[in-house]
C-alpha atoms as a PDB file:
ATOM      1  CA  MET A   1      18.663 -31.015   5.678  1.00  0.00           C
ATOM      2  CA  LEU A   2      18.359 -27.238   5.456  1.00  0.00           C
ATOM      3  CA  LYS A   3      15.711 -26.235   2.972  1.00  0.00           C
ATOM      4  CA  ARG A   4      14.853 -22.639   2.125  1.00  0.00           C
ATOM      5  CA  LEU A   5      11.209 -21.770   1.614  1.00  0.00           C
ATOM      6  CA  PHE A   6      10.241 -18.963  -0.700  1.00  0.00           C
ATOM      7  CA  PRO A   7       7.009 -17.013  -0.237  1.00  0.00           C
ATOM      8  CA  LEU A   8       4.152 -17.072  -2.680  1.00  0.00           C
ATOM      9  CA  ALA A   9       3.583 -14.021  -4.835  1.00  0.00           C
ATOM     10  CA  VAL A  10       1.470 -11.356  -3.112  1.00  0.00           C
ATOM     11  CA  LYS A  11      -1.334  -8.912  -3.968  1.00  0.00           C
ATOM     12  CA  PHE A  12       0.247  -5.522  -4.689  1.00  0.00           C
ATOM     13  CA  PHE A  13      -1.652  -2.389  -3.729  1.00  0.00           C
ATOM     14  CA  CYS A  14      -0.928   1.284  -3.180  1.00  0.00           C
ATOM     15  CA  SER A  15      -2.417   3.703  -0.722  1.00  0.00           C
ATOM     16  CA  PHE A  16      -2.502   7.400  -1.559  1.00  0.00           C
ATOM     17  CA  ILE A  17      -2.913  10.508   0.570  1.00  0.00           C
ATOM     18  CA  TYR A  18      -3.392  13.672  -1.462  1.00  0.00           C
ATOM     19  CA  SER A  19      -5.087  17.058  -1.482  1.00  0.00           C
ATOM     20  CA  ASN A  20      -5.964  17.433  -5.151  1.00  0.00           C
ATOM     21  CA  GLU A  21      -7.493  14.966  -7.557  1.00  0.00           C
ATOM     22  CA  ASP A  22      -5.054  15.855 -10.339  1.00  0.00           C
ATOM     23  CA  SER A  23      -2.096  14.402  -8.383  1.00  0.00           C
ATOM     24  CA  TYR A  24      -4.031  11.196  -7.793  1.00  0.00           C
ATOM     25  CA  LEU A  25      -5.017  10.834 -11.468  1.00  0.00           C
ATOM     26  CA  LYS A  26      -1.444  11.451 -12.673  1.00  0.00           C
ATOM     27  CA  THR A  27      -0.102   8.926 -10.166  1.00  0.00           C
ATOM     28  CA  TYR A  28      -2.729   6.371 -11.167  1.00  0.00           C
ATOM     29  CA  LYS A  29      -1.677   6.619 -14.826  1.00  0.00           C
ATOM     30  CA  ILE A  30       2.059   6.444 -14.067  1.00  0.00           C
ATOM     31  CA  LEU A  31       1.640   3.389 -11.842  1.00  0.00           C
ATOM     32  CA  GLU A  32      -0.577   1.606 -14.344  1.00  0.00           C
ATOM     33  CA  ARG A  33       1.993   2.179 -17.101  1.00  0.00           C
ATOM     34  CA  LYS A  34       4.778   0.862 -14.858  1.00  0.00           C
ATOM     35  CA  PHE A  35       3.065  -2.055 -13.089  1.00  0.00           C
ATOM     36  CA  GLY A  36       0.227  -3.064 -15.380  1.00  0.00           C
ATOM     37  CA  LYS A  37      -3.526  -3.200 -15.123  1.00  0.00           C
ATOM     38  CA  ILE A  38      -5.213  -1.888 -11.990  1.00  0.00           C
ATOM     39  CA  ASP A  39      -7.921  -4.333 -10.952  1.00  0.00           C
ATOM     40  CA  PHE A  40      -9.391  -2.373  -8.043  1.00  0.00           C
ATOM     41  CA  ALA A  41      -9.777   1.320  -7.186  1.00  0.00           C
ATOM     42  CA  SER A  42     -11.505   2.411  -3.991  1.00  0.00           C
ATOM     43  CA  SER A  43     -13.761   5.364  -3.562  1.00  0.00           C
ATOM     44  CA  CYS A  44     -12.297   8.528  -2.074  1.00  0.00           C
ATOM     45  CA  PHE A  45     -12.170   8.801   1.737  1.00  0.00           C
ATOM     46  CA  ASP A  46     -11.698  11.932   3.808  1.00  0.00           C
ATOM     47  CA  PHE A  47      -8.352  11.668   5.583  1.00  0.00           C
ATOM     48  CA  SER A  48      -8.372  13.473   8.917  1.00  0.00           C
ATOM     49  CA  PHE A  49      -6.733  10.920  11.207  1.00  0.00           C
ATOM     50  CA  THR A  50      -3.556  12.992  11.629  1.00  0.00           C
ATOM     51  CA  ASN A  51      -2.313  16.449  10.716  1.00  0.00           C
ATOM     52  CA  TYR A  52       1.129  15.034   9.799  1.00  0.00           C
ATOM     53  CA  TYR A  53       0.695  15.742   6.065  1.00  0.00           C
ATOM     54  CA  GLU A  54      -1.209  19.046   6.238  1.00  0.00           C
ATOM     55  CA  LYS A  55       1.793  21.394   6.398  1.00  0.00           C
ATOM     56  CA  GLU A  56       3.234  19.817   3.274  1.00  0.00           C
ATOM     57  CA  MET A  57       0.078  19.035   1.272  1.00  0.00           C
ATOM     58  CA  GLY A  58      -2.570  21.330   2.700  1.00  0.00           C
ATOM     59  CA  LYS A  59      -6.104  20.264   3.485  1.00  0.00           C
ATOM     60  CA  PRO A  60      -8.564  18.766   3.116  1.00  0.00           C
ATOM     61  CA  LEU A  61      -6.763  15.490   2.503  1.00  0.00           C
ATOM     62  CA  TYR A  62      -8.097  12.349   0.869  1.00  0.00           C
ATOM     63  CA  ARG A  63      -7.145   8.655   0.833  1.00  0.00           C
ATOM     64  CA  ARG A  64      -7.622   6.060  -1.890  1.00  0.00           C
ATOM     65  CA  PHE A  65      -6.426   2.531  -2.571  1.00  0.00           C
ATOM     66  CA  VAL A  66      -5.685   0.735  -5.826  1.00  0.00           C
ATOM     67  CA  SER A  67      -4.505  -2.807  -6.452  1.00  0.00           C
ATOM     68  CA  PHE A  68      -2.777  -4.347  -9.412  1.00  0.00           C
ATOM     69  CA  GLU A  69      -3.764  -7.433 -11.319  1.00  0.00           C
ATOM     70  CA  LYS A  70      -0.246  -8.878 -11.499  1.00  0.00           C
ATOM     71  CA  LEU A  71       0.957 -10.590  -8.333  1.00  0.00           C
ATOM     72  CA  LYS A  72       4.432  -9.636  -7.103  1.00  0.00           C
ATOM     73  CA  ASP A  73       7.349 -11.278  -5.373  1.00  0.00           C
ATOM     74  CA  PRO A  74       7.612  -9.717  -1.877  1.00  0.00           C
ATOM     75  CA  ALA A  75      11.326  -9.090  -2.575  1.00  0.00           C
ATOM     76  CA  GLU A  76      10.326  -6.490  -5.207  1.00  0.00           C
ATOM     77  CA  PHE A  77       8.900  -4.013  -2.719  1.00  0.00           C
ATOM     78  CA  VAL A  78      12.105  -2.116  -2.031  1.00  0.00           C
ATOM     79  CA  ALA A  79      12.309  -1.240  -5.735  1.00  0.00           C
ATOM     80  CA  ILE A  80       8.577  -0.493  -5.845  1.00  0.00           C
ATOM     81  CA  LYS A  81       8.822   1.931  -2.897  1.00  0.00           C
ATOM     82  CA  LEU A  82      11.857   3.646  -4.453  1.00  0.00           C
ATOM     83  CA  PHE A  83       9.895   4.105  -7.695  1.00  0.00           C
ATOM     84  CA  CYS A  84       6.967   5.582  -5.740  1.00  0.00           C
ATOM     85  CA  ILE A  85       9.340   8.043  -4.058  1.00  0.00           C
ATOM     86  CA  LYS A  86      10.463   9.173  -7.524  1.00  0.00           C
ATOM     87  CA  ILE A  87       6.834   9.806  -8.476  1.00  0.00           C
ATOM     88  CA  GLU A  88       6.268  11.809  -5.289  1.00  0.00           C
ATOM     89  CA  LYS A  89       9.307  13.965  -6.123  1.00  0.00           C
ATOM     90  CA  LYS A  90       8.275  14.361  -9.769  1.00  0.00           C
ATOM     91  CA  LEU A  91       4.792  15.600  -8.790  1.00  0.00           C
ATOM     92  CA  ALA A  92       6.045  17.801  -5.934  1.00  0.00           C
ATOM     93  CA  HIS A  93       5.490  21.541  -6.114  1.00  0.00           C
ATOM     94  CA  ASP A  94       7.997  23.916  -4.480  1.00  0.00           C
ATOM     95  CA  ALA A  95       9.721  20.891  -2.892  1.00  0.00           C
ATOM     96  CA  LYS A  96       6.455  19.853  -1.203  1.00  0.00           C
ATOM     97  CA  ARG A  97       4.758  16.594  -2.059  1.00  0.00           C
ATOM     98  CA  THR A  98       1.305  16.719  -3.569  1.00  0.00           C
ATOM     99  CA  ILE A  99       0.773  13.008  -2.961  1.00  0.00           C
ATOM    100  CA  ASN A 100       2.014  10.356  -0.538  1.00  0.00           C
ATOM    101  CA  ILE A 101       2.269   6.859  -2.000  1.00  0.00           C
ATOM    102  CA  ASP A 102       2.542   3.842   0.277  1.00  0.00           C
ATOM    103  CA  PRO A 103       2.910   0.571  -1.603  1.00  0.00           C
ATOM    104  CA  GLY A 104       2.085  -2.601   0.229  1.00  0.00           C
ATOM    105  CA  TYR A 105       0.836  -6.090  -0.179  1.00  0.00           C
ATOM    106  CA  ILE A 106      -1.702  -8.566   1.068  1.00  0.00           C
ATOM    107  CA  ASN A 107      -1.313 -12.295   1.320  1.00  0.00           C
ATOM    108  CA  GLU A 108      -3.567 -14.777   3.066  1.00  0.00           C
ATOM    109  CA  GLY A 109      -2.237 -13.904   6.516  1.00  0.00           C
ATOM    110  CA  LYS A 110      -1.296 -10.236   6.589  1.00  0.00           C
ATOM    111  CA  LEU A 111      -1.213  -6.733   5.150  1.00  0.00           C
ATOM    112  CA  VAL A 112       2.289  -5.243   4.849  1.00  0.00           C
ATOM    113  CA  LEU A 113       3.191  -1.596   4.192  1.00  0.00           C
ATOM    114  CA  THR A 114       6.511  -0.107   3.076  1.00  0.00           C
ATOM    115  CA  THR A 115       7.877   3.117   4.500  1.00  0.00           C
ATOM    116  CA  THR A 116      11.003   5.231   4.798  1.00  0.00           C
ATOM    117  CA  LYS A 117      10.515   5.711   8.531  1.00  0.00           C
ATOM    118  CA  ASP A 118      12.082   3.392  11.091  1.00  0.00           C
ATOM    119  CA  TYR A 119      10.308   2.426  14.290  1.00  0.00           C
ATOM    120  CA  CYS A 120      10.410  -0.420  16.800  1.00  0.00           C
ATOM    121  CA  HIS A 121       7.998  -2.653  14.843  1.00  0.00           C
ATOM    122  CA  ARG A 122       9.506  -2.075  11.408  1.00  0.00           C
ATOM    123  CA  ILE A 123      12.079  -4.256   9.697  1.00  0.00           C
ATOM    124  CA  TYR A 124      14.804  -2.782   7.516  1.00  0.00           C
ATOM    125  CA  VAL A 125      14.698  -4.366   4.051  1.00  0.00           C
ATOM    126  CA  GLY A 126      17.371  -2.294   2.255  1.00  0.00           C
ATOM    127  CA  CYS A 127      18.027   1.004   0.471  1.00  0.00           C
ATOM    128  CA  GLY A 128      16.464   3.073   3.277  1.00  0.00           C
ATOM    129  CA  ILE A 129      13.183   1.142   3.148  1.00  0.00           C
ATOM    130  CA  PHE A 130      11.358  -0.531   6.038  1.00  0.00           C
ATOM    131  CA  GLU A 131       8.345  -2.832   6.128  1.00  0.00           C
ATOM    132  CA  GLU A 132       5.733  -3.461   8.768  1.00  0.00           C
ATOM    133  CA  VAL A 133       2.897  -5.869   9.260  1.00  0.00           C
ATOM    134  CA  THR A 134       0.013  -3.408   9.660  1.00  0.00           C
ATOM    135  CA  LEU A 135      -2.844  -5.913   9.997  1.00  0.00           C
ATOM    136  CA  TYR A 136      -3.054  -9.683  10.321  1.00  0.00           C
ATOM    137  CA  TYR A 137      -5.851 -11.984   9.192  1.00  0.00           C
ATOM    138  CA  LYS A 138      -7.655 -14.132  11.763  1.00  0.00           C
ATOM    139  CA  ASP A 139     -11.248 -15.195  12.411  1.00  0.00           C
ATOM    140  CA  SER A 140     -12.427 -14.113   8.943  1.00  0.00           C
ATOM    141  CA  ASN A 141     -11.251 -10.518   9.308  1.00  0.00           C
ATOM    142  CA  PHE A 142      -8.193  -8.320   9.489  1.00  0.00           C
ATOM    143  CA  GLN A 143      -7.072  -7.694  13.057  1.00  0.00           C
ATOM    144  CA  ASP A 144      -5.299  -4.678  14.525  1.00  0.00           C
ATOM    145  CA  LEU A 145      -1.911  -4.560  16.135  1.00  0.00           C
ATOM    146  CA  PRO A 146      -0.893  -1.970  18.748  1.00  0.00           C
ATOM    147  CA  THR A 147       0.979  -0.119  15.969  1.00  0.00           C
ATOM    148  CA  THR A 148      -1.813  -0.200  13.343  1.00  0.00           C
ATOM    149  CA  TYR A 149      -2.611   3.247  11.931  1.00  0.00           C
ATOM    150  CA  PRO A 150      -6.015   4.515  13.176  1.00  0.00           C
ATOM    151  CA  ASP A 151      -7.546   4.681   9.689  1.00  0.00           C
ATOM    152  CA  TYR A 152      -6.420   1.123   8.896  1.00  0.00           C
ATOM    153  CA  LYS A 153      -8.478   0.015  11.909  1.00  0.00           C
ATOM    154  CA  THR A 154     -11.744   1.278  10.397  1.00  0.00           C
ATOM    155  CA  PRO A 155     -14.395  -1.127   9.082  1.00  0.00           C
ATOM    156  CA  GLU A 156     -14.408   0.726   5.730  1.00  0.00           C
ATOM    157  CA  TYR A 157     -10.715   0.096   5.111  1.00  0.00           C
ATOM    158  CA  LYS A 158     -10.863  -3.468   6.387  1.00  0.00           C
ATOM    159  CA  GLU A 159     -13.701  -4.174   3.946  1.00  0.00           C
ATOM    160  CA  ILE A 160     -11.423  -3.041   1.106  1.00  0.00           C
ATOM    161  CA  PHE A 161      -8.641  -5.281   2.364  1.00  0.00           C
ATOM    162  CA  LEU A 162     -11.022  -8.238   2.555  1.00  0.00           C
ATOM    163  CA  VAL A 163     -11.998  -7.627  -1.081  1.00  0.00           C
ATOM    164  CA  LEU A 164      -8.323  -7.511  -2.061  1.00  0.00           C
ATOM    165  CA  ARG A 165      -7.566 -10.657  -0.059  1.00  0.00           C
ATOM    166  CA  GLU A 166     -10.395 -12.500  -1.819  1.00  0.00           C
ATOM    167  CA  LYS A 167      -9.138 -11.305  -5.232  1.00  0.00           C
ATOM    168  CA  TYR A 168      -5.709 -12.593  -4.233  1.00  0.00           C
ATOM    169  CA  ARG A 169      -7.040 -15.989  -3.161  1.00  0.00           C
ATOM    170  CA  GLN A 170      -8.935 -16.309  -6.443  1.00  0.00           C
ATOM    171  CA  GLN A 171      -5.780 -15.430  -8.377  1.00  0.00           C
ATOM    172  CA  LEU A 172      -3.833 -18.121  -6.518  1.00  0.00           C
ATOM    173  CA  LYS A 173      -6.554 -20.681  -7.385  1.00  0.00           C
ATOM    174  CA  ASN A 174      -6.534 -19.632 -11.035  1.00  0.00           C
ATOM    175  CA  ASN A 175      -2.727 -19.911 -11.164  1.00  0.00           C
ATOM    176  CA  GLU A 176      -2.918 -23.489  -9.874  1.00  0.00           C
ATOM    177  CA  LYS A 177      -5.000 -24.571 -12.870  1.00  0.00           C
END
């Protein structure tokens, strides 16, 4: 008999690249109003792994991560990415973004990011949105893939993702009770 399996809810997070703190703070508030309580916010990291964003946003650039308390259905991430694109456009200045928002999720086995850019390792999920497995979990840590972004390979970022994975696992346990 054919039986469909549906995935468990996942730990929703957003990654930000920005050049001024004001854009980050505005985005933080908008996302919290839309998606509920933020249960984790990382410290600010220098972002100098690529110059891809410099022409549009200037420099220096910074990266932060936040996660949300409420777990999400993985099917919601097309709508989430489209909402984040609206925020980017709303906060743009002279048609240039002031912040890049990449929503993603963590479950027990992987970290997934959403994007508008297609590439060989990305899967189209609808409405001009693609998803990729950026890291996978094995041997008590997140592991790189050949296509993993250089900054996502760093121990500092992986430590954040381990914290988020543990929060997620605790939430799953609490939901079982």
